[in-house]
Amino acid sequence: MTTISALESVHSKGFFGDYEGKEEKNLLNLSENKDLLIIQIVKYKNSTVSIESIKIDNLNLENKTLNVSSNNDTRILWNGPNCWLLVSTKKELLKEIIEKFDEMNFAITNLSHSRAIIELNGENAKEVLKKGCPYNFNSLKKNNSLNSTFNGISVTIDFLDDNPNKVRIFTLRSFGESLYHSITDSCLEFGYKSI
């Protein structure tokens, strides 16, 4: 069985918006990120298991607001008290996750095919986000993540880097097209390359 990406019918490659006369390195880059393992990990309220002793892909689950633990392949986003979103290019991590998080203490949910993911890269990435999200992006830095809305669409925003700004924006698959159109519309002012 072949999976179909959430943005298959809308993602167009090329240059858009106010890109003429600008160097390509100064444009925003927009892409769809797909084929990632996305697992929600929730520690039950009654659980007495210490999360400090558990590592996935050599990363800790940290219970700190906005915090992301990361390495080259995997990112663990704090998603709420005792709730994390693990995002990885290593699909084989699912077996390790199932072994380490027993069903008496944790709820593990595979969200891999239920999300649309847009990656935005460039100096004006924060400016694009400011157009549709009420969060103060001036305080957001590398390895932060947050849950919010973008033009009324629920999103999780993962700040991958700050030199230049690089973010992943997650939404439910069913809102993928609406988010894509909203983000691309916000990018037009700056000019962007869709890859």
N, C-alpha and C. Protein backbone atom coordinates (compact mmCIF):
# COMPACT_ATOMS: atom_id res chain seq x y z
N MET A 1 0.84 -1.18 0.00
CA MET A 1 0.00 0.00 0.00
C MET A 1 0.89 1.25 0.00
N THR A 2 0.57 2.21 -0.83
CA THR A 2 1.31 3.46 -0.92
C THR A 2 0.56 4.56 -0.20
N THR A 3 1.30 5.35 0.59
CA THR A 3 0.65 6.47 1.27
C THR A 3 0.65 7.70 0.36
N ILE A 4 -0.37 8.49 0.49
CA ILE A 4 -0.48 9.73 -0.28
C ILE A 4 -0.29 10.88 0.69
N SER A 5 0.60 11.78 0.34
CA SER A 5 0.89 12.90 1.23
C SER A 5 -0.34 13.80 1.38
N ALA A 6 -0.39 14.47 2.51
CA ALA A 6 -1.53 15.35 2.82
C ALA A 6 -1.63 16.53 1.86
N LEU A 7 -0.52 16.92 1.27
CA LEU A 7 -0.49 18.10 0.38
C LEU A 7 -0.24 17.72 -1.08
N GLU A 8 -0.43 16.46 -1.40
CA GLU A 8 -0.16 15.93 -2.74
C GLU A 8 -0.80 16.76 -3.85
N SER A 9 -2.03 17.17 -3.65
CA SER A 9 -2.75 17.85 -4.74
C SER A 9 -2.58 19.37 -4.74
N VAL A 10 -1.89 19.95 -3.74
CA VAL A 10 -1.79 21.41 -3.69
C VAL A 10 -0.36 21.95 -3.72
N HIS A 11 0.60 21.14 -3.32
CA HIS A 11 1.99 21.63 -3.24
C HIS A 11 2.58 21.76 -4.63
N SER A 12 2.88 22.99 -5.04
CA SER A 12 3.47 23.28 -6.34
C SER A 12 4.89 23.78 -6.15
N LYS A 13 5.80 23.32 -7.01
CA LYS A 13 7.18 23.75 -6.92
C LYS A 13 7.42 24.93 -7.84
N GLY A 14 8.33 25.82 -7.41
CA GLY A 14 8.65 26.98 -8.22
C GLY A 14 8.86 28.22 -7.36
N PHE A 15 8.91 29.37 -8.01
CA PHE A 15 9.08 30.65 -7.33
C PHE A 15 7.75 31.39 -7.33
N PHE A 16 7.42 32.02 -6.20
CA PHE A 16 6.13 32.68 -6.06
C PHE A 16 6.29 33.99 -5.30
N GLY A 17 5.32 34.88 -5.49
CA GLY A 17 5.29 36.14 -4.76
C GLY A 17 6.32 37.13 -5.26
N ASP A 18 6.79 37.97 -4.36
CA ASP A 18 7.72 39.05 -4.69
C ASP A 18 9.17 38.53 -4.70
N TYR A 19 9.49 37.68 -5.66
CA TYR A 19 10.83 37.09 -5.72
C TYR A 19 11.72 37.73 -6.78
N GLU A 20 11.13 38.45 -7.72
CA GLU A 20 11.91 39.01 -8.82
C GLU A 20 12.91 40.06 -8.33
N GLY A 21 14.13 39.96 -8.83
CA GLY A 21 15.17 40.91 -8.46
C GLY A 21 15.82 40.62 -7.12
N LYS A 22 15.44 39.52 -6.47
CA LYS A 22 16.04 39.16 -5.18
C LYS A 22 16.95 37.96 -5.37
N GLU A 23 18.01 37.90 -4.59
CA GLU A 23 18.88 36.73 -4.61
C GLU A 23 18.13 35.55 -4.01
N GLU A 24 18.33 34.38 -4.59
CA GLU A 24 17.62 33.19 -4.13
C GLU A 24 17.88 32.90 -2.65
N LYS A 25 19.08 33.19 -2.18
CA LYS A 25 19.41 32.93 -0.76
C LYS A 25 18.60 33.81 0.19
N ASN A 26 18.03 34.92 -0.32
CA ASN A 26 17.23 35.82 0.52
C ASN A 26 15.74 35.50 0.49
N LEU A 27 15.36 34.50 -0.30
CA LEU A 27 13.96 34.10 -0.37
C LEU A 27 13.65 33.08 0.72
N LEU A 28 12.39 32.98 1.08
CA LEU A 28 11.94 31.91 1.95
C LEU A 28 11.92 30.61 1.15
N ASN A 29 12.19 29.50 1.80
CA ASN A 29 12.03 28.19 1.19
C ASN A 29 10.87 27.49 1.89
N LEU A 30 9.98 26.93 1.11
CA LEU A 30 8.82 26.25 1.67
C LEU A 30 8.78 24.84 1.09
N SER A 31 8.59 23.86 1.95
CA SER A 31 8.52 22.47 1.49
C SER A 31 7.55 21.69 2.36
N GLU A 32 7.10 20.59 1.80
CA GLU A 32 6.30 19.65 2.59
C GLU A 32 7.27 18.63 3.15
N ASN A 33 7.15 18.34 4.42
CA ASN A 33 7.96 17.32 5.06
C ASN A 33 7.08 16.11 5.26
N LYS A 34 7.51 14.96 4.76
CA LYS A 34 6.68 13.76 4.85
C LYS A 34 7.54 12.56 5.19
N ASP A 35 6.90 11.45 5.39
CA ASP A 35 7.57 10.19 5.73
C ASP A 35 8.34 10.27 7.04
N LEU A 36 7.79 10.95 8.01
CA LEU A 36 8.38 11.01 9.34
C LEU A 36 7.59 10.12 10.30
N LEU A 37 8.28 9.57 11.28
CA LEU A 37 7.61 8.87 12.37
C LEU A 37 7.17 9.94 13.37
N ILE A 38 5.88 9.98 13.68
CA ILE A 38 5.35 10.94 14.65
C ILE A 38 4.58 10.15 15.71
N ILE A 39 5.07 10.19 16.93
CA ILE A 39 4.46 9.43 18.03
C ILE A 39 4.13 10.37 19.17
N GLN A 40 2.90 10.29 19.64
CA GLN A 40 2.52 11.04 20.84
C GLN A 40 2.72 10.12 22.04
N ILE A 41 3.43 10.63 23.05
CA ILE A 41 3.69 9.88 24.28
C ILE A 41 3.05 10.65 25.43
N VAL A 42 2.16 9.99 26.15
CA VAL A 42 1.49 10.63 27.29
C VAL A 42 1.68 9.76 28.53
N LYS A 43 2.20 10.35 29.58
CA LYS A 43 2.35 9.64 30.86
C LYS A 43 1.05 9.78 31.64
N TYR A 44 0.51 8.65 32.08
CA TYR A 44 -0.74 8.68 32.83
C TYR A 44 -0.56 9.42 34.16
N LYS A 45 -1.63 10.04 34.59
CA LYS A 45 -1.63 10.82 35.83
C LYS A 45 -1.24 9.95 37.04
N ASN A 46 -1.70 8.72 37.06
CA ASN A 46 -1.44 7.83 38.20
C ASN A 46 -0.08 7.13 38.14
N SER A 47 0.66 7.33 37.07
CA SER A 47 1.93 6.64 36.89
C SER A 47 2.98 7.13 37.89
N THR A 48 3.77 6.19 38.40
CA THR A 48 4.86 6.53 39.31
C THR A 48 6.22 6.35 38.64
N VAL A 49 6.23 6.04 37.36
CA VAL A 49 7.46 5.85 36.60
C VAL A 49 8.18 7.19 36.44
N SER A 50 9.48 7.17 36.64
CA SER A 50 10.29 8.38 36.48
C SER A 50 10.71 8.51 35.02
N ILE A 51 10.40 9.63 34.39
CA ILE A 51 10.77 9.83 32.99
C ILE A 51 12.26 10.09 32.83
N GLU A 52 12.93 10.50 33.90
CA GLU A 52 14.36 10.79 33.83
C GLU A 52 15.18 9.57 33.44
N SER A 53 14.66 8.38 33.72
CA SER A 53 15.40 7.15 33.43
C SER A 53 15.15 6.61 32.02
N ILE A 54 14.27 7.25 31.27
CA ILE A 54 13.89 6.76 29.94
C ILE A 54 14.54 7.62 28.86
N LYS A 55 15.20 6.95 27.92
CA LYS A 55 15.79 7.65 26.77
C LYS A 55 15.32 6.97 25.49
N ILE A 56 15.03 7.79 24.48
CA ILE A 56 14.69 7.30 23.15
C ILE A 56 15.68 7.94 22.19
N ASP A 57 16.35 7.11 21.40
CA ASP A 57 17.38 7.58 20.48
C ASP A 57 18.38 8.48 21.22
N ASN A 58 18.67 8.06 22.45
CA ASN A 58 19.62 8.75 23.33
C ASN A 58 19.15 10.15 23.75
N LEU A 59 17.84 10.39 23.73
CA LEU A 59 17.28 11.67 24.14
C LEU A 59 16.35 11.49 25.33
N ASN A 60 16.35 12.47 26.23
CA ASN A 60 15.46 12.45 27.39
C ASN A 60 14.11 13.07 27.05
N LEU A 61 13.09 12.65 27.80
CA LEU A 61 11.80 13.33 27.77
C LEU A 61 11.88 14.41 28.85
N GLU A 62 11.87 15.66 28.43
CA GLU A 62 11.97 16.74 29.41
C GLU A 62 10.61 17.37 29.60
N ASN A 63 10.24 17.60 30.85
CA ASN A 63 8.93 18.15 31.17
C ASN A 63 9.05 19.66 31.41
N LYS A 64 9.56 20.37 30.40
CA LYS A 64 9.74 21.81 30.49
C LYS A 64 8.97 22.48 29.36
N THR A 65 8.26 23.53 29.67
CA THR A 65 7.48 24.28 28.68
C THR A 65 8.34 24.71 27.51
N LEU A 66 7.84 24.54 26.30
CA LEU A 66 8.45 24.93 25.04
C LEU A 66 9.69 24.13 24.66
N ASN A 67 10.16 23.22 25.49
CA ASN A 67 11.45 22.57 25.29
C ASN A 67 11.42 21.45 24.24
N VAL A 68 12.50 21.33 23.48
CA VAL A 68 12.68 20.26 22.51
C VAL A 68 14.04 19.61 22.76
N SER A 69 14.06 18.28 22.88
CA SER A 69 15.31 17.52 22.92
C SER A 69 15.56 17.03 21.51
N SER A 70 16.80 17.13 21.03
CA SER A 70 17.00 16.76 19.62
C SER A 70 18.40 16.24 19.34
N ASN A 71 18.48 15.48 18.26
CA ASN A 71 19.74 15.10 17.64
C ASN A 71 19.51 15.18 16.12
N ASN A 72 20.37 14.63 15.32
CA ASN A 72 20.25 14.76 13.87
C ASN A 72 19.02 14.07 13.29
N ASP A 73 18.52 13.02 13.95
CA ASP A 73 17.41 12.23 13.41
C ASP A 73 16.08 12.42 14.13
N THR A 74 16.13 12.76 15.40
CA THR A 74 14.93 12.72 16.24
C THR A 74 14.77 14.01 17.03
N ARG A 75 13.52 14.41 17.18
CA ARG A 75 13.18 15.56 18.01
C ARG A 75 12.05 15.13 18.94
N ILE A 76 12.15 15.48 20.22
CA ILE A 76 11.08 15.20 21.18
C ILE A 76 10.57 16.55 21.69
N LEU A 77 9.36 16.89 21.28
CA LEU A 77 8.75 18.18 21.59
C LEU A 77 7.90 18.06 22.84
N TRP A 78 8.09 18.97 23.78
CA TRP A 78 7.18 19.05 24.92
C TRP A 78 5.86 19.55 24.36
N ASN A 79 4.78 18.81 24.65
CA ASN A 79 3.48 19.14 24.06
C ASN A 79 2.44 19.49 25.12
N GLY A 80 2.84 19.43 26.37
CA GLY A 80 1.96 19.70 27.50
C GLY A 80 2.50 18.93 28.70
N PRO A 81 1.95 19.14 29.89
CA PRO A 81 2.44 18.41 31.06
C PRO A 81 2.36 16.90 30.82
N ASN A 82 3.50 16.23 30.97
CA ASN A 82 3.60 14.78 30.77
C ASN A 82 3.09 14.32 29.41
N CYS A 83 3.32 15.13 28.40
CA CYS A 83 2.90 14.82 27.04
C CYS A 83 3.97 15.31 26.06
N TRP A 84 4.40 14.41 25.14
CA TRP A 84 5.45 14.73 24.20
C TRP A 84 5.07 14.26 22.80
N LEU A 85 5.66 14.91 21.83
CA LEU A 85 5.51 14.51 20.44
C LEU A 85 6.90 14.15 19.94
N LEU A 86 7.10 12.88 19.60
CA LEU A 86 8.38 12.43 19.07
C LEU A 86 8.30 12.44 17.55
N VAL A 87 9.25 13.11 16.90
CA VAL A 87 9.29 13.20 15.44
C VAL A 87 10.66 12.72 15.00
N SER A 88 10.68 11.73 14.10
CA SER A 88 11.96 11.15 13.72
C SER A 88 11.96 10.65 12.28
N THR A 89 13.15 10.67 11.69
CA THR A 89 13.34 10.06 10.38
C THR A 89 13.58 8.57 10.52
N LYS A 90 13.83 8.11 11.75
CA LYS A 90 14.11 6.69 12.02
C LYS A 90 12.83 5.96 12.40
N LYS A 91 12.20 5.35 11.43
CA LYS A 91 10.93 4.67 11.68
C LYS A 91 11.08 3.45 12.57
N GLU A 92 12.28 2.89 12.64
CA GLU A 92 12.52 1.72 13.49
C GLU A 92 12.45 2.06 14.98
N LEU A 93 12.40 3.34 15.32
CA LEU A 93 12.27 3.74 16.74
C LEU A 93 10.95 3.28 17.35
N LEU A 94 9.96 3.03 16.51
CA LEU A 94 8.65 2.61 17.02
C LEU A 94 8.78 1.37 17.90
N LYS A 95 9.60 0.42 17.51
CA LYS A 95 9.79 -0.80 18.30
C LYS A 95 10.39 -0.46 19.67
N GLU A 96 11.40 0.41 19.68
CA GLU A 96 12.03 0.82 20.94
C GLU A 96 11.02 1.54 21.85
N ILE A 97 10.20 2.38 21.26
CA ILE A 97 9.19 3.12 22.02
C ILE A 97 8.21 2.16 22.68
N ILE A 98 7.73 1.21 21.93
CA ILE A 98 6.76 0.24 22.46
C ILE A 98 7.37 -0.57 23.60
N GLU A 99 8.66 -0.90 23.48
CA GLU A 99 9.34 -1.67 24.54
C GLU A 99 9.54 -0.84 25.81
N LYS A 100 9.85 0.44 25.68
CA LYS A 100 10.20 1.27 26.83
C LYS A 100 9.01 1.89 27.55
N PHE A 101 7.88 2.05 26.85
CA PHE A 101 6.73 2.71 27.45
C PHE A 101 5.59 1.70 27.58
N ASP A 102 5.47 1.12 28.78
CA ASP A 102 4.43 0.11 28.99
C ASP A 102 3.05 0.73 29.05
N GLU A 103 2.05 -0.04 28.67
CA GLU A 103 0.68 0.48 28.57
C GLU A 103 0.02 0.74 29.92
N MET A 104 0.64 0.33 31.01
CA MET A 104 0.11 0.62 32.33
C MET A 104 0.45 2.06 32.77
N ASN A 105 1.50 2.62 32.18
CA ASN A 105 1.97 3.94 32.59
C ASN A 105 1.92 5.01 31.50
N PHE A 106 1.80 4.56 30.24
CA PHE A 106 1.85 5.51 29.13
C PHE A 106 0.84 5.17 28.05
N ALA A 107 0.37 6.21 27.37
CA ALA A 107 -0.44 6.03 26.16
C ALA A 107 0.46 6.42 24.99
N ILE A 108 0.60 5.50 24.05
CA ILE A 108 1.43 5.72 22.87
C ILE A 108 0.50 5.73 21.66
N THR A 109 0.55 6.81 20.87
CA THR A 109 -0.31 6.92 19.69
C THR A 109 0.53 7.28 18.48
N ASN A 110 0.42 6.47 17.44
CA ASN A 110 1.15 6.74 16.20
C ASN A 110 0.35 7.74 15.37
N LEU A 111 0.89 8.93 15.17
CA LEU A 111 0.22 9.99 14.42
C LEU A 111 0.86 10.23 13.05
N SER A 112 1.72 9.32 12.63
CA SER A 112 2.53 9.53 11.43
C SER A 112 1.75 9.91 10.19
N HIS A 113 0.60 9.30 9.97
CA HIS A 113 -0.15 9.57 8.75
C HIS A 113 -1.31 10.54 8.97
N SER A 114 -1.37 11.11 10.15
CA SER A 114 -2.50 12.00 10.45
C SER A 114 -2.12 13.47 10.48
N ARG A 115 -0.91 13.79 10.04
CA ARG A 115 -0.43 15.17 10.09
C ARG A 115 0.06 15.64 8.72
N ALA A 116 -0.19 16.91 8.45
CA ALA A 116 0.43 17.60 7.32
C ALA A 116 1.55 18.44 7.95
N ILE A 117 2.72 18.45 7.29
CA ILE A 117 3.87 19.16 7.85
C ILE A 117 4.45 20.08 6.78
N ILE A 118 4.51 21.36 7.11
CA ILE A 118 5.11 22.35 6.22
C ILE A 118 6.38 22.85 6.89
N GLU A 119 7.47 22.87 6.12
CA GLU A 119 8.73 23.39 6.63
C GLU A 119 9.01 24.72 5.95
N LEU A 120 9.32 25.71 6.76
CA LEU A 120 9.56 27.07 6.28
C LEU A 120 10.96 27.48 6.74
N ASN A 121 11.77 27.97 5.78
CA ASN A 121 13.15 28.27 6.06
C ASN A 121 13.51 29.63 5.48
N GLY A 122 14.09 30.52 6.29
CA GLY A 122 14.52 31.82 5.81
C GLY A 122 14.39 32.89 6.87
N GLU A 123 15.05 34.00 6.63
CA GLU A 123 15.08 35.09 7.60
C GLU A 123 13.68 35.60 7.97
N ASN A 124 12.75 35.56 7.04
CA ASN A 124 11.41 36.10 7.30
C ASN A 124 10.40 35.06 7.77
N ALA A 125 10.86 33.88 8.16
CA ALA A 125 9.94 32.83 8.60
C ALA A 125 9.10 33.29 9.81
N LYS A 126 9.72 33.98 10.75
CA LYS A 126 8.97 34.47 11.91
C LYS A 126 7.92 35.50 11.50
N GLU A 127 8.27 36.33 10.51
CA GLU A 127 7.32 37.35 10.05
C GLU A 127 6.09 36.69 9.42
N VAL A 128 6.30 35.61 8.71
CA VAL A 128 5.17 34.86 8.12
C VAL A 128 4.28 34.33 9.24
N LEU A 129 4.88 33.75 10.26
CA LEU A 129 4.11 33.18 11.37
C LEU A 129 3.34 34.26 12.14
N LYS A 130 3.93 35.44 12.27
CA LYS A 130 3.28 36.54 12.99
C LYS A 130 1.99 36.97 12.31
N LYS A 131 1.87 36.74 11.02
CA LYS A 131 0.67 37.15 10.28
C LYS A 131 -0.57 36.37 10.68
N GLY A 132 -0.40 35.14 11.18
CA GLY A 132 -1.58 34.35 11.47
C GLY A 132 -1.65 33.76 12.86
N CYS A 133 -0.62 34.00 13.67
CA CYS A 133 -0.54 33.36 14.98
C CYS A 133 -0.36 34.41 16.07
N PRO A 134 -1.09 34.30 17.19
CA PRO A 134 -1.02 35.31 18.25
C PRO A 134 0.20 35.22 19.15
N TYR A 135 1.09 34.27 18.94
CA TYR A 135 2.26 34.08 19.80
C TYR A 135 3.32 35.16 19.53
N ASN A 136 4.10 35.51 20.55
CA ASN A 136 5.20 36.47 20.41
C ASN A 136 6.43 35.72 19.90
N PHE A 137 6.61 35.68 18.59
CA PHE A 137 7.71 34.91 18.00
C PHE A 137 9.07 35.53 18.23
N ASN A 138 9.14 36.76 18.69
CA ASN A 138 10.44 37.36 18.99
C ASN A 138 11.15 36.62 20.11
N SER A 139 10.40 35.97 20.99
CA SER A 139 11.01 35.25 22.11
C SER A 139 11.29 33.78 21.78
N LEU A 140 10.83 33.31 20.64
CA LEU A 140 11.04 31.91 20.26
C LEU A 140 12.45 31.72 19.72
N LYS A 141 13.10 30.65 20.13
CA LYS A 141 14.47 30.38 19.67
C LYS A 141 14.62 28.91 19.31
N LYS A 142 15.79 28.56 18.84
CA LYS A 142 16.09 27.20 18.43
C LYS A 142 15.72 26.21 19.53
N ASN A 143 15.14 25.08 19.13
CA ASN A 143 14.72 24.00 20.03
C ASN A 143 13.61 24.42 21.00
N ASN A 144 12.71 25.26 20.51
CA ASN A 144 11.45 25.57 21.20
C ASN A 144 10.32 25.04 20.34
N SER A 145 9.21 24.72 20.96
CA SER A 145 8.01 24.35 20.22
C SER A 145 6.79 24.86 20.98
N LEU A 146 5.69 25.03 20.26
CA LEU A 146 4.48 25.50 20.91
C LEU A 146 3.26 25.01 20.15
N ASN A 147 2.15 24.98 20.85
CA ASN A 147 0.85 24.69 20.26
C ASN A 147 0.09 25.99 20.20
N SER A 148 -0.49 26.30 19.05
CA SER A 148 -1.24 27.54 18.90
C SER A 148 -2.20 27.39 17.73
N THR A 149 -2.58 28.52 17.15
CA THR A 149 -3.41 28.51 15.95
C THR A 149 -2.76 29.39 14.91
N PHE A 150 -3.00 29.06 13.66
CA PHE A 150 -2.58 29.91 12.56
C PHE A 150 -3.82 30.17 11.72
N ASN A 151 -4.28 31.41 11.73
CA ASN A 151 -5.53 31.78 11.05
C ASN A 151 -6.67 30.80 11.39
N GLY A 152 -6.79 30.48 12.66
CA GLY A 152 -7.88 29.64 13.15
C GLY A 152 -7.64 28.15 13.03
N ILE A 153 -6.49 27.73 12.51
CA ILE A 153 -6.17 26.30 12.35
C ILE A 153 -5.22 25.90 13.47
N SER A 154 -5.55 24.83 14.20
CA SER A 154 -4.68 24.34 15.27
C SER A 154 -3.36 23.84 14.69
N VAL A 155 -2.26 24.31 15.26
CA VAL A 155 -0.93 23.93 14.77
C VAL A 155 0.02 23.66 15.93
N THR A 156 1.04 22.86 15.64
CA THR A 156 2.21 22.72 16.50
C THR A 156 3.36 23.28 15.70
N ILE A 157 4.11 24.20 16.29
CA ILE A 157 5.23 24.84 15.60
C ILE A 157 6.51 24.43 16.31
N ASP A 158 7.43 23.86 15.54
CA ASP A 158 8.72 23.39 16.05
C ASP A 158 9.80 24.26 15.43
N PHE A 159 10.53 24.99 16.27
CA PHE A 159 11.57 25.90 15.80
C PHE A 159 12.89 25.14 15.71
N LEU A 160 13.27 24.76 14.49
CA LEU A 160 14.44 23.91 14.26
C LEU A 160 15.76 24.66 14.37
N ASP A 161 15.78 25.90 13.90
CA ASP A 161 17.04 26.65 13.89
C ASP A 161 16.73 28.14 13.89
N ASP A 162 17.73 28.94 14.28
CA ASP A 162 17.53 30.38 14.27
C ASP A 162 18.61 31.11 13.47
N ASN A 163 19.36 30.38 12.64
CA ASN A 163 20.36 31.01 11.80
C ASN A 163 20.53 30.25 10.50
N PRO A 164 19.70 30.43 9.49
CA PRO A 164 18.51 31.28 9.48
C PRO A 164 17.33 30.58 10.16
N ASN A 165 16.24 31.30 10.29
CA ASN A 165 15.06 30.75 10.92
C ASN A 165 14.55 29.56 10.12
N LYS A 166 14.25 28.48 10.82
CA LYS A 166 13.73 27.27 10.17
C LYS A 166 12.70 26.66 11.11
N VAL A 167 11.47 26.49 10.62
CA VAL A 167 10.39 25.95 11.44
C VAL A 167 9.64 24.84 10.71
N ARG A 168 9.10 23.92 11.50
CA ARG A 168 8.16 22.92 11.00
C ARG A 168 6.81 23.26 11.60
N ILE A 169 5.80 23.23 10.75
CA ILE A 169 4.44 23.53 11.20
C ILE A 169 3.59 22.29 10.97
N PHE A 170 3.06 21.72 12.04
CA PHE A 170 2.24 20.51 11.98
C PHE A 170 0.77 20.89 12.14
N THR A 171 -0.09 20.25 11.39
CA THR A 171 -1.52 20.38 11.61
C THR A 171 -2.18 19.04 11.29
N LEU A 172 -3.43 18.89 11.67
CA LEU A 172 -4.16 17.69 11.31
C LEU A 172 -4.22 17.58 9.79
N ARG A 173 -4.14 16.39 9.30
CA ARG A 173 -4.15 16.14 7.85
C ARG A 173 -5.33 16.80 7.16
N SER A 174 -6.49 16.77 7.80
CA SER A 174 -7.69 17.33 7.19
C SER A 174 -7.63 18.85 7.03
N PHE A 175 -6.75 19.52 7.79
CA PHE A 175 -6.57 20.96 7.67
C PHE A 175 -5.35 21.32 6.82
N GLY A 176 -4.67 20.32 6.28
CA GLY A 176 -3.42 20.54 5.57
C GLY A 176 -3.52 21.52 4.42
N GLU A 177 -4.52 21.34 3.56
CA GLU A 177 -4.66 22.22 2.41
C GLU A 177 -4.95 23.66 2.84
N SER A 178 -5.83 23.82 3.82
CA SER A 178 -6.15 25.18 4.29
C SER A 178 -4.92 25.85 4.90
N LEU A 179 -4.14 25.10 5.68
CA LEU A 179 -2.93 25.67 6.26
C LEU A 179 -1.93 26.01 5.16
N TYR A 180 -1.78 25.14 4.20
CA TYR A 180 -0.84 25.37 3.09
C TYR A 180 -1.18 26.68 2.37
N HIS A 181 -2.45 26.86 2.03
CA HIS A 181 -2.85 28.08 1.34
C HIS A 181 -2.65 29.32 2.22
N SER A 182 -2.90 29.17 3.51
CA SER A 182 -2.73 30.29 4.43
C SER A 182 -1.26 30.67 4.58
N ILE A 183 -0.39 29.67 4.71
CA ILE A 183 1.05 29.92 4.85
C ILE A 183 1.61 30.50 3.55
N THR A 184 1.27 29.90 2.42
CA THR A 184 1.82 30.40 1.15
C THR A 184 1.34 31.82 0.87
N ASP A 185 0.10 32.12 1.22
CA ASP A 185 -0.41 33.48 1.05
C ASP A 185 0.39 34.47 1.89
N SER A 186 0.74 34.07 3.10
CA SER A 186 1.53 34.92 3.99
C SER A 186 2.97 35.08 3.51
N CYS A 187 3.46 34.13 2.71
CA CYS A 187 4.83 34.18 2.17
C CYS A 187 4.97 35.07 0.95
N LEU A 188 3.87 35.36 0.26
CA LEU A 188 3.93 36.08 -1.01
C LEU A 188 4.65 37.42 -0.90
N GLU A 189 4.43 38.14 0.18
CA GLU A 189 5.03 39.46 0.38
C GLU A 189 6.56 39.41 0.32
N PHE A 190 7.13 38.31 0.81
CA PHE A 190 8.59 38.20 0.91
C PHE A 190 9.21 37.49 -0.29
N GLY A 191 8.39 36.80 -1.04
CA GLY A 191 8.88 35.97 -2.13
C GLY A 191 9.36 34.64 -1.57
N TYR A 192 9.00 33.54 -2.23
CA TYR A 192 9.42 32.25 -1.72
C TYR A 192 9.66 31.25 -2.84
N LYS A 193 10.50 30.28 -2.52
CA LYS A 193 10.76 29.17 -3.42
C LYS A 193 10.12 27.94 -2.80
N SER A 194 9.24 27.32 -3.55
CA SER A 194 8.59 26.10 -3.09
C SER A 194 9.37 24.91 -3.64
N ILE A 195 9.86 24.07 -2.75
CA ILE A 195 10.70 22.93 -3.17
C ILE A 195 10.10 21.60 -2.77
